[in-house]
Amino acid sequence: MRKRKTNIPGYRVPKNPRIERVKRALGSMKLEGVPESKLKKELAKLLNRFAVDAALYSPDFILADYLLRCLKAHANCNKATTDFFNDAPF
């Protein structure tokens, strides 16, 4: 793990174009604005159609809720990662 440089007065970390592209892409992937109830119903239908609920011995709506929570956790993880690398002075 790299050590962070100490804060030098007046020093600004240059923006990395790759990180900026990722941040723009992640901004469009936020789950805000997505109708969660509709997404959850569609996921449940899809899981039911492929009999995933039967294979995992779990109701489709519970699996759909789990997947939705995983998507939210992944979005939060991506945001934290891009924030970290945007602030890292290397």
PDB file of N, CA and C in Angstrom:
ATOM      1  N   MET A   1       0.842  -1.173   0.000  1.00  0.00           N
ATOM      2  CA  MET A   1       0.000   0.000   0.000  1.00  0.00           C
ATOM      3  C   MET A   1       0.889   1.239   0.000  1.00  0.00           C
ATOM      4  N   ARG A   2       0.573   2.158  -0.865  1.00  0.00           N
ATOM      5  CA  ARG A   2       1.377   3.380  -0.960  1.00  0.00           C
ATOM      6  C   ARG A   2       1.064   4.333   0.176  1.00  0.00           C
ATOM      7  N   LYS A   3       2.111   5.021   0.610  1.00  0.00           N
ATOM      8  CA  LYS A   3       1.890   6.051   1.618  1.00  0.00           C
ATOM      9  C   LYS A   3       1.486   7.330   0.914  1.00  0.00           C
ATOM     10  N   ARG A   4       0.555   8.038   1.512  1.00  0.00           N
ATOM     11  CA  ARG A   4       0.139   9.310   0.947  1.00  0.00           C
ATOM     12  C   ARG A   4       1.151  10.388   1.278  1.00  0.00           C
ATOM     13  N   LYS A   5       1.330  11.306   0.345  1.00  0.00           N
ATOM     14  CA  LYS A   5       2.221  12.435   0.599  1.00  0.00           C
ATOM     15  C   LYS A   5       1.579  13.353   1.636  1.00  0.00           C
ATOM     16  N   THR A   6       2.411  14.053   2.347  1.00  0.00           N
ATOM     17  CA  THR A   6       1.876  15.005   3.311  1.00  0.00           C
ATOM     18  C   THR A   6       1.245  16.176   2.564  1.00  0.00           C
ATOM     19  N   ASN A   7       0.358  16.840   3.220  1.00  0.00           N
ATOM     20  CA  ASN A   7      -0.293  17.997   2.614  1.00  0.00           C
ATOM     21  C   ASN A   7       0.695  19.155   2.507  1.00  0.00           C
ATOM     22  N   ILE A   8       0.916  19.585   1.314  1.00  0.00           N
ATOM     23  CA  ILE A   8       1.806  20.716   1.071  1.00  0.00           C
ATOM     24  C   ILE A   8       0.916  21.914   0.764  1.00  0.00           C
ATOM     25  N   PRO A   9       1.093  23.021   1.489  1.00  0.00           N
ATOM     26  CA  PRO A   9       0.226  24.182   1.242  1.00  0.00           C
ATOM     27  C   PRO A   9       0.315  24.634  -0.214  1.00  0.00           C
ATOM     28  N   GLY A  10      -0.839  24.814  -0.831  1.00  0.00           N
ATOM     29  CA  GLY A  10      -0.902  25.282  -2.203  1.00  0.00           C
ATOM     30  C   GLY A  10      -0.774  24.182  -3.246  1.00  0.00           C
ATOM     31  N   TYR A  11      -0.488  22.959  -2.809  1.00  0.00           N
ATOM     32  CA  TYR A  11      -0.343  21.848  -3.764  1.00  0.00           C
ATOM     33  C   TYR A  11      -1.704  21.273  -4.082  1.00  0.00           C
ATOM     34  N   ARG A  12      -2.009  21.163  -5.360  1.00  0.00           N
ATOM     35  CA  ARG A  12      -3.281  20.553  -5.785  1.00  0.00           C
ATOM     36  C   ARG A  12      -2.964  19.302  -6.576  1.00  0.00           C
ATOM     37  N   VAL A  13      -3.710  18.272  -6.284  1.00  0.00           N
ATOM     38  CA  VAL A  13      -3.521  17.002  -6.978  1.00  0.00           C
ATOM     39  C   VAL A  13      -4.067  17.150  -8.393  1.00  0.00           C
ATOM     40  N   PRO A  14      -3.241  16.842  -9.407  1.00  0.00           N
ATOM     41  CA  PRO A  14      -3.754  16.930 -10.779  1.00  0.00           C
ATOM     42  C   PRO A  14      -4.824  15.874 -11.016  1.00  0.00           C
ATOM     43  N   LYS A  15      -5.826  16.252 -11.796  1.00  0.00           N
ATOM     44  CA  LYS A  15      -6.915  15.320 -12.075  1.00  0.00           C
ATOM     45  C   LYS A  15      -6.467  14.302 -13.112  1.00  0.00           C
ATOM     46  N   ASN A  16      -6.826  13.074 -12.850  1.00  0.00           N
ATOM     47  CA  ASN A  16      -6.492  11.978 -13.747  1.00  0.00           C
ATOM     48  C   ASN A  16      -7.640  11.815 -14.735  1.00  0.00           C
ATOM     49  N   PRO A  17      -7.411  11.893 -16.047  1.00  0.00           N
ATOM     50  CA  PRO A  17      -8.500  11.792 -17.013  1.00  0.00           C
ATOM     51  C   PRO A  17      -9.226  10.454 -16.969  1.00  0.00           C
ATOM     52  N   ARG A  18      -8.504   9.369 -16.639  1.00  0.00           N
ATOM     53  CA  ARG A  18      -9.175   8.068 -16.550  1.00  0.00           C
ATOM     54  C   ARG A  18     -10.164   8.040 -15.396  1.00  0.00           C
ATOM     55  N   ILE A  19      -9.769   8.629 -14.277  1.00  0.00           N
ATOM     56  CA  ILE A  19     -10.664   8.666 -13.120  1.00  0.00           C
ATOM     57  C   ILE A  19     -11.872   9.542 -13.412  1.00  0.00           C
ATOM     58  N   GLU A  20     -11.657  10.643 -14.104  1.00  0.00           N
ATOM     59  CA  GLU A  20     -12.773  11.517 -14.453  1.00  0.00           C
ATOM     60  C   GLU A  20     -13.781  10.789 -15.354  1.00  0.00           C
ATOM     61  N   ARG A  21     -13.276   9.990 -16.304  1.00  0.00           N
ATOM     62  CA  ARG A  21     -14.174   9.213 -17.167  1.00  0.00           C
ATOM     63  C   ARG A  21     -14.984   8.210 -16.353  1.00  0.00           C
ATOM     64  N   VAL A  22     -14.326   7.560 -15.405  1.00  0.00           N
ATOM     65  CA  VAL A  22     -15.020   6.585 -14.557  1.00  0.00           C
ATOM     66  C   VAL A  22     -16.074   7.281 -13.717  1.00  0.00           C
ATOM     67  N   LYS A  23     -15.727   8.441 -13.172  1.00  0.00           N
ATOM     68  CA  LYS A  23     -16.702   9.169 -12.362  1.00  0.00           C
ATOM     69  C   LYS A  23     -17.919   9.575 -13.176  1.00  0.00           C
ATOM     70  N   ARG A  24     -17.679  10.009 -14.428  1.00  0.00           N
ATOM     71  CA  ARG A  24     -18.820  10.367 -15.283  1.00  0.00           C
ATOM     72  C   ARG A  24     -19.679   9.142 -15.561  1.00  0.00           C
ATOM     73  N   ALA A  25     -19.041   8.010 -15.811  1.00  0.00           N
ATOM     74  CA  ALA A  25     -19.791   6.780 -16.090  1.00  0.00           C
ATOM     75  C   ALA A  25     -20.578   6.344 -14.863  1.00  0.00           C
ATOM     76  N   LEU A  26     -19.958   6.443 -13.692  1.00  0.00           N
ATOM     77  CA  LEU A  26     -20.651   6.035 -12.475  1.00  0.00           C
ATOM     78  C   LEU A  26     -21.793   6.976 -12.142  1.00  0.00           C
ATOM     79  N   GLY A  27     -21.645   8.219 -12.504  1.00  0.00           N
ATOM     80  CA  GLY A  27     -22.728   9.167 -12.244  1.00  0.00           C
ATOM     81  C   GLY A  27     -24.004   8.756 -12.936  1.00  0.00           C
ATOM     82  N   SER A  28     -23.875   8.131 -14.095  1.00  0.00           N
ATOM     83  CA  SER A  28     -25.062   7.694 -14.815  1.00  0.00           C
ATOM     84  C   SER A  28     -25.559   6.347 -14.311  1.00  0.00           C
ATOM     85  N   MET A  29     -24.754   5.647 -13.485  1.00  0.00           N
ATOM     86  CA  MET A  29     -25.147   4.333 -13.007  1.00  0.00           C
ATOM     87  C   MET A  29     -25.809   4.377 -11.637  1.00  0.00           C
ATOM     88  N   LYS A  30     -25.951   5.537 -11.055  1.00  0.00           N
ATOM     89  CA  LYS A  30     -26.567   5.624  -9.739  1.00  0.00           C
ATOM     90  C   LYS A  30     -27.970   5.058  -9.796  1.00  0.00           C
ATOM     91  N   LEU A  31     -28.380   4.456  -8.699  1.00  0.00           N
ATOM     92  CA  LEU A  31     -29.716   3.882  -8.649  1.00  0.00           C
ATOM     93  C   LEU A  31     -30.768   4.925  -8.302  1.00  0.00           C
ATOM     94  N   GLU A  32     -30.327   6.152  -8.065  1.00  0.00           N
ATOM     95  CA  GLU A  32     -31.292   7.216  -7.815  1.00  0.00           C
ATOM     96  C   GLU A  32     -32.082   7.445  -9.093  1.00  0.00           C
ATOM     97  N   GLY A  33     -33.346   7.589  -8.969  1.00  0.00           N
ATOM     98  CA  GLY A  33     -34.181   7.819 -10.142  1.00  0.00           C
ATOM     99  C   GLY A  33     -34.696   6.534 -10.770  1.00  0.00           C
ATOM    100  N   VAL A  34     -34.138   5.398 -10.374  1.00  0.00           N
ATOM    101  CA  VAL A  34     -34.620   4.114 -10.881  1.00  0.00           C
ATOM    102  C   VAL A  34     -35.801   3.702 -10.004  1.00  0.00           C
ATOM    103  N   PRO A  35     -36.939   3.418 -10.623  1.00  0.00           N
ATOM    104  CA  PRO A  35     -38.090   2.980  -9.816  1.00  0.00           C
ATOM    105  C   PRO A  35     -37.806   1.606  -9.215  1.00  0.00           C
ATOM    106  N   GLU A  36     -37.419   1.588  -7.939  1.00  0.00           N
ATOM    107  CA  GLU A  36     -36.980   0.352  -7.303  1.00  0.00           C
ATOM    108  C   GLU A  36     -38.049  -0.725  -7.299  1.00  0.00           C
ATOM    109  N   SER A  37     -39.288  -0.341  -7.052  1.00  0.00           N
ATOM    110  CA  SER A  37     -40.339  -1.355  -6.987  1.00  0.00           C
ATOM    111  C   SER A  37     -40.509  -2.037  -8.342  1.00  0.00           C
ATOM    112  N   LYS A  38     -40.442  -1.251  -9.419  1.00  0.00           N
ATOM    113  CA  LYS A  38     -40.567  -1.838 -10.751  1.00  0.00           C
ATOM    114  C   LYS A  38     -39.372  -2.727 -11.074  1.00  0.00           C
ATOM    115  N   LEU A  39     -38.165  -2.262 -10.730  1.00  0.00           N
ATOM    116  CA  LEU A  39     -36.967  -3.054 -10.968  1.00  0.00           C
ATOM    117  C   LEU A  39     -37.021  -4.357 -10.181  1.00  0.00           C
ATOM    118  N   LYS A  40     -37.459  -4.269  -8.927  1.00  0.00           N
ATOM    119  CA  LYS A  40     -37.545  -5.461  -8.092  1.00  0.00           C
ATOM    120  C   LYS A  40     -38.536  -6.470  -8.677  1.00  0.00           C
ATOM    121  N   LYS A  41     -39.675  -5.976  -9.172  1.00  0.00           N
ATOM    122  CA  LYS A  41     -40.671  -6.869  -9.791  1.00  0.00           C
ATOM    123  C   LYS A  41     -40.124  -7.521 -11.048  1.00  0.00           C
ATOM    124  N   GLU A  42     -39.413  -6.734 -11.862  1.00  0.00           N
ATOM    125  CA  GLU A  42     -38.842  -7.289 -13.095  1.00  0.00           C
ATOM    126  C   GLU A  42     -37.758  -8.320 -12.792  1.00  0.00           C
ATOM    127  N   LEU A  43     -36.938  -8.051 -11.786  1.00  0.00           N
ATOM    128  CA  LEU A  43     -35.927  -9.025 -11.382  1.00  0.00           C
ATOM    129  C   LEU A  43     -36.582 -10.315 -10.894  1.00  0.00           C
ATOM    130  N   ALA A  44     -37.634 -10.169 -10.094  1.00  0.00           N
ATOM    131  CA  ALA A  44     -38.333 -11.349  -9.588  1.00  0.00           C
ATOM    132  C   ALA A  44     -38.926 -12.164 -10.733  1.00  0.00           C
ATOM    133  N   LYS A  45     -39.509 -11.485 -11.724  1.00  0.00           N
ATOM    134  CA  LYS A  45     -40.055 -12.205 -12.886  1.00  0.00           C
ATOM    135  C   LYS A  45     -38.963 -12.955 -13.629  1.00  0.00           C
ATOM    136  N   LEU A  46     -37.832 -12.289 -13.831  1.00  0.00           N
ATOM    137  CA  LEU A  46     -36.723 -12.902 -14.549  1.00  0.00           C
ATOM    138  C   LEU A  46     -36.174 -14.115 -13.793  1.00  0.00           C
ATOM    139  N   LEU A  47     -36.003 -13.972 -12.491  1.00  0.00           N
ATOM    140  CA  LEU A  47     -35.522 -15.085 -11.677  1.00  0.00           C
ATOM    141  C   LEU A  47     -36.504 -16.256 -11.720  1.00  0.00           C
ATOM    142  N   ASN A  48     -37.785 -15.930 -11.691  1.00  0.00           N
ATOM    143  CA  ASN A  48     -38.806 -16.962 -11.737  1.00  0.00           C
ATOM    144  C   ASN A  48     -38.829 -17.651 -13.100  1.00  0.00           C
ATOM    145  N   ARG A  49     -38.681 -16.885 -14.164  1.00  0.00           N
ATOM    146  CA  ARG A  49     -38.706 -17.426 -15.520  1.00  0.00           C
ATOM    147  C   ARG A  49     -37.613 -18.467 -15.724  1.00  0.00           C
ATOM    148  N   PHE A  50     -36.440 -18.218 -15.144  1.00  0.00           N
ATOM    149  CA  PHE A  50     -35.325 -19.155 -15.287  1.00  0.00           C
ATOM    150  C   PHE A  50     -35.222 -20.140 -14.123  1.00  0.00           C
ATOM    151  N   ALA A  51     -36.217 -20.153 -13.257  1.00  0.00           N
ATOM    152  CA  ALA A  51     -36.315 -21.078 -12.115  1.00  0.00           C
ATOM    153  C   ALA A  51     -35.114 -20.975 -11.171  1.00  0.00           C
ATOM    154  N   VAL A  52     -34.564 -19.784 -11.065  1.00  0.00           N
ATOM    155  CA  VAL A  52     -33.446 -19.572 -10.142  1.00  0.00           C
ATOM    156  C   VAL A  52     -33.941 -19.701  -8.708  1.00  0.00           C
ATOM    157  N   ASP A  53     -35.147 -19.238  -8.447  1.00  0.00           N
ATOM    158  CA  ASP A  53     -35.700 -19.318  -7.099  1.00  0.00           C
ATOM    159  C   ASP A  53     -35.835 -20.769  -6.646  1.00  0.00           C
ATOM    160  N   ALA A  54     -36.226 -21.658  -7.537  1.00  0.00           N
ATOM    161  CA  ALA A  54     -36.355 -23.068  -7.190  1.00  0.00           C
ATOM    162  C   ALA A  54     -34.989 -23.704  -6.957  1.00  0.00           C
ATOM    163  N   ALA A  55     -34.016 -23.326  -7.782  1.00  0.00           N
ATOM    164  CA  ALA A  55     -32.678 -23.904  -7.647  1.00  0.00           C
ATOM    165  C   ALA A  55     -32.018 -23.488  -6.335  1.00  0.00           C
ATOM    166  N   LEU A  56     -32.318 -22.286  -5.866  1.00  0.00           N
ATOM    167  CA  LEU A  56     -31.699 -21.774  -4.639  1.00  0.00           C
ATOM    168  C   LEU A  56     -32.590 -21.935  -3.412  1.00  0.00           C
ATOM    169  N   TYR A  57     -33.758 -22.528  -3.580  1.00  0.00           N
ATOM    170  CA  TYR A  57     -34.712 -22.737  -2.473  1.00  0.00           C
ATOM    171  C   TYR A  57     -35.016 -21.431  -1.745  1.00  0.00           C
ATOM    172  N   SER A  58     -35.273 -20.403  -2.516  1.00  0.00           N
ATOM    173  CA  SER A  58     -35.576 -19.098  -1.937  1.00  0.00           C
ATOM    174  C   SER A  58     -36.586 -18.396  -2.838  1.00  0.00           C
ATOM    175  N   PRO A  59     -37.556 -17.693  -2.257  1.00  0.00           N
ATOM    176  CA  PRO A  59     -38.559 -17.010  -3.082  1.00  0.00           C
ATOM    177  C   PRO A  59     -37.928 -15.958  -3.996  1.00  0.00           C
ATOM    178  N   ASP A  60     -38.515 -15.794  -5.165  1.00  0.00           N
ATOM    179  CA  ASP A  60     -37.968 -14.869  -6.158  1.00  0.00           C
ATOM    180  C   ASP A  60     -37.922 -13.430  -5.659  1.00  0.00           C
ATOM    181  N   PHE A  61     -38.908 -13.004  -4.875  1.00  0.00           N
ATOM    182  CA  PHE A  61     -38.908 -11.613  -4.415  1.00  0.00           C
ATOM    183  C   PHE A  61     -37.796 -11.350  -3.407  1.00  0.00           C
ATOM    184  N   ILE A  62     -37.407 -12.371  -2.636  1.00  0.00           N
ATOM    185  CA  ILE A  62     -36.294 -12.208  -1.693  1.00  0.00           C
ATOM    186  C   ILE A  62     -34.975 -12.128  -2.463  1.00  0.00           C
ATOM    187  N   LEU A  63     -34.826 -12.955  -3.481  1.00  0.00           N
ATOM    188  CA  LEU A  63     -33.622 -12.898  -4.310  1.00  0.00           C
ATOM    189  C   LEU A  63     -33.532 -11.568  -5.051  1.00  0.00           C
ATOM    190  N   ALA A  64     -34.667 -11.076  -5.535  1.00  0.00           N
ATOM    191  CA  ALA A  64     -34.681  -9.791  -6.236  1.00  0.00           C
ATOM    192  C   ALA A  64     -34.268  -8.667  -5.293  1.00  0.00           C
ATOM    193  N   ASP A  65     -34.766  -8.706  -4.063  1.00  0.00           N
ATOM    194  CA  ASP A  65     -34.383  -7.695  -3.071  1.00  0.00           C
ATOM    195  C   ASP A  65     -32.889  -7.784  -2.772  1.00  0.00           C
ATOM    196  N   TYR A  66     -32.374  -8.995  -2.656  1.00  0.00           N
ATOM    197  CA  TYR A  66     -30.943  -9.193  -2.413  1.00  0.00           C
ATOM    198  C   TYR A  66     -30.111  -8.618  -3.559  1.00  0.00           C
ATOM    199  N   LEU A  67     -30.505  -8.898  -4.796  1.00  0.00           N
ATOM    200  CA  LEU A  67     -29.766  -8.385  -5.946  1.00  0.00           C
ATOM    201  C   LEU A  67     -29.794  -6.861  -5.995  1.00  0.00           C
ATOM    202  N   LEU A  68     -30.925  -6.280  -5.679  1.00  0.00           N
ATOM    203  CA  LEU A  68     -31.036  -4.820  -5.666  1.00  0.00           C
ATOM    204  C   LEU A  68     -30.110  -4.219  -4.613  1.00  0.00           C
ATOM    205  N   ARG A  69     -30.048  -4.855  -3.445  1.00  0.00           N
ATOM    206  CA  ARG A  69     -29.133  -4.380  -2.390  1.00  0.00           C
ATOM    207  C   ARG A  69     -27.678  -4.524  -2.825  1.00  0.00           C
ATOM    208  N   CYS A  70     -27.370  -5.604  -3.553  1.00  0.00           N
ATOM    209  CA  CYS A  70     -26.009  -5.792  -4.061  1.00  0.00           C
ATOM    210  C   CYS A  70     -25.644  -4.688  -5.053  1.00  0.00           C
ATOM    211  N   LEU A  71     -26.581  -4.325  -5.919  1.00  0.00           N
ATOM    212  CA  LEU A  71     -26.325  -3.252  -6.876  1.00  0.00           C
ATOM    213  C   LEU A  71     -26.059  -1.929  -6.158  1.00  0.00           C
ATOM    214  N   LYS A  72     -26.834  -1.660  -5.120  1.00  0.00           N
ATOM    215  CA  LYS A  72     -26.627  -0.428  -4.353  1.00  0.00           C
ATOM    216  C   LYS A  72     -25.270  -0.440  -3.662  1.00  0.00           C
ATOM    217  N   ALA A  73     -24.912  -1.579  -3.069  1.00  0.00           N
ATOM    218  CA  ALA A  73     -23.618  -1.689  -2.389  1.00  0.00           C
ATOM    219  C   ALA A  73     -22.479  -1.514  -3.392  1.00  0.00           C
ATOM    220  N   HIS A  74     -22.629  -2.069  -4.570  1.00  0.00           N
ATOM    221  CA  HIS A  74     -21.594  -1.944  -5.598  1.00  0.00           C
ATOM    222  C   HIS A  74     -21.455  -0.484  -6.045  1.00  0.00           C
ATOM    223  N   ALA A  75     -22.571   0.205  -6.205  1.00  0.00           N
ATOM    224  CA  ALA A  75     -22.524   1.622  -6.587  1.00  0.00           C
ATOM    225  C   ALA A  75     -21.812   2.440  -5.509  1.00  0.00           C
ATOM    226  N   ASN A  76     -22.093   2.147  -4.225  1.00  0.00           N
ATOM    227  CA  ASN A  76     -21.428   2.853  -3.128  1.00  0.00           C
ATOM    228  C   ASN A  76     -19.935   2.555  -3.111  1.00  0.00           C
ATOM    229  N   CYS A  77     -19.578   1.303  -3.377  1.00  0.00           N
ATOM    230  CA  CYS A  77     -18.164   0.910  -3.409  1.00  0.00           C
ATOM    231  C   CYS A  77     -17.438   1.625  -4.543  1.00  0.00           C
ATOM    232  N   ASN A  78     -18.048   1.693  -5.698  1.00  0.00           N
ATOM    233  CA  ASN A  78     -17.433   2.392  -6.834  1.00  0.00           C
ATOM    234  C   ASN A  78     -17.234   3.863  -6.529  1.00  0.00           C
ATOM    235  N   LYS A  79     -18.213   4.484  -5.894  1.00  0.00           N
ATOM    236  CA  LYS A  79     -18.091   5.897  -5.555  1.00  0.00           C
ATOM    237  C   LYS A  79     -16.955   6.114  -4.559  1.00  0.00           C
ATOM    238  N   ALA A  80     -16.870   5.251  -3.544  1.00  0.00           N
ATOM    239  CA  ALA A  80     -15.799   5.381  -2.553  1.00  0.00           C
ATOM    240  C   ALA A  80     -14.432   5.184  -3.196  1.00  0.00           C
ATOM    241  N   THR A  81     -14.328   4.244  -4.118  1.00  0.00           N
ATOM    242  CA  THR A  81     -13.055   3.981  -4.788  1.00  0.00           C
ATOM    243  C   THR A  81     -12.632   5.168  -5.638  1.00  0.00           C
ATOM    244  N   THR A  82     -13.545   5.716  -6.419  1.00  0.00           N
ATOM    245  CA  THR A  82     -13.189   6.853  -7.265  1.00  0.00           C
ATOM    246  C   THR A  82     -12.873   8.080  -6.416  1.00  0.00           C
ATOM    247  N   ASP A  83     -13.577   8.251  -5.302  1.00  0.00           N
ATOM    248  CA  ASP A  83     -13.261   9.362  -4.397  1.00  0.00           C
ATOM    249  C   ASP A  83     -11.868   9.198  -3.816  1.00  0.00           C
ATOM    250  N   PHE A  84     -11.512   7.967  -3.440  1.00  0.00           N
ATOM    251  CA  PHE A  84     -10.183   7.710  -2.884  1.00  0.00           C
ATOM    252  C   PHE A  84      -9.105   8.022  -3.905  1.00  0.00           C
ATOM    253  N   PHE A  85      -9.246   7.509  -5.126  1.00  0.00           N
ATOM    254  CA  PHE A  85      -8.208   7.702  -6.109  1.00  0.00           C
ATOM    255  C   PHE A  85      -8.159   9.145  -6.624  1.00  0.00           C
ATOM    256  N   ASN A  86      -9.268   9.843  -6.550  1.00  0.00           N
ATOM    257  CA  ASN A  86      -9.266  11.247  -6.939  1.00  0.00           C
ATOM    258  C   ASN A  86      -8.485  12.079  -5.919  1.00  0.00           C
ATOM    259  N   ASP A  87      -8.535  11.671  -4.648  1.00  0.00           N
ATOM    260  CA  ASP A  87      -7.840  12.403  -3.598  1.00  0.00           C
ATOM    261  C   ASP A  87      -6.393  11.947  -3.414  1.00  0.00           C
ATOM    262  N   ALA A  88      -6.045  10.794  -3.963  1.00  0.00           N
ATOM    263  CA  ALA A  88      -4.699  10.248  -3.739  1.00  0.00           C
ATOM    264  C   ALA A  88      -3.668  10.992  -4.603  1.00  0.00           C
ATOM    265  N   PRO A  89      -2.642  11.517  -3.970  1.00  0.00           N
ATOM    266  CA  PRO A  89      -1.624  12.264  -4.726  1.00  0.00           C
ATOM    267  C   PRO A  89      -0.488  11.382  -5.241  1.00  0.00           C
ATOM    268  N   PHE A  90      -0.764  10.572  -6.257  1.00  0.00           N
ATOM    269  CA  PHE A  90       0.326   9.811  -6.875  1.00  0.00           C
ATOM    270  C   PHE A  90       0.229   9.858  -8.357  1.00  0.00           C
TER     271      PHE A  90
END
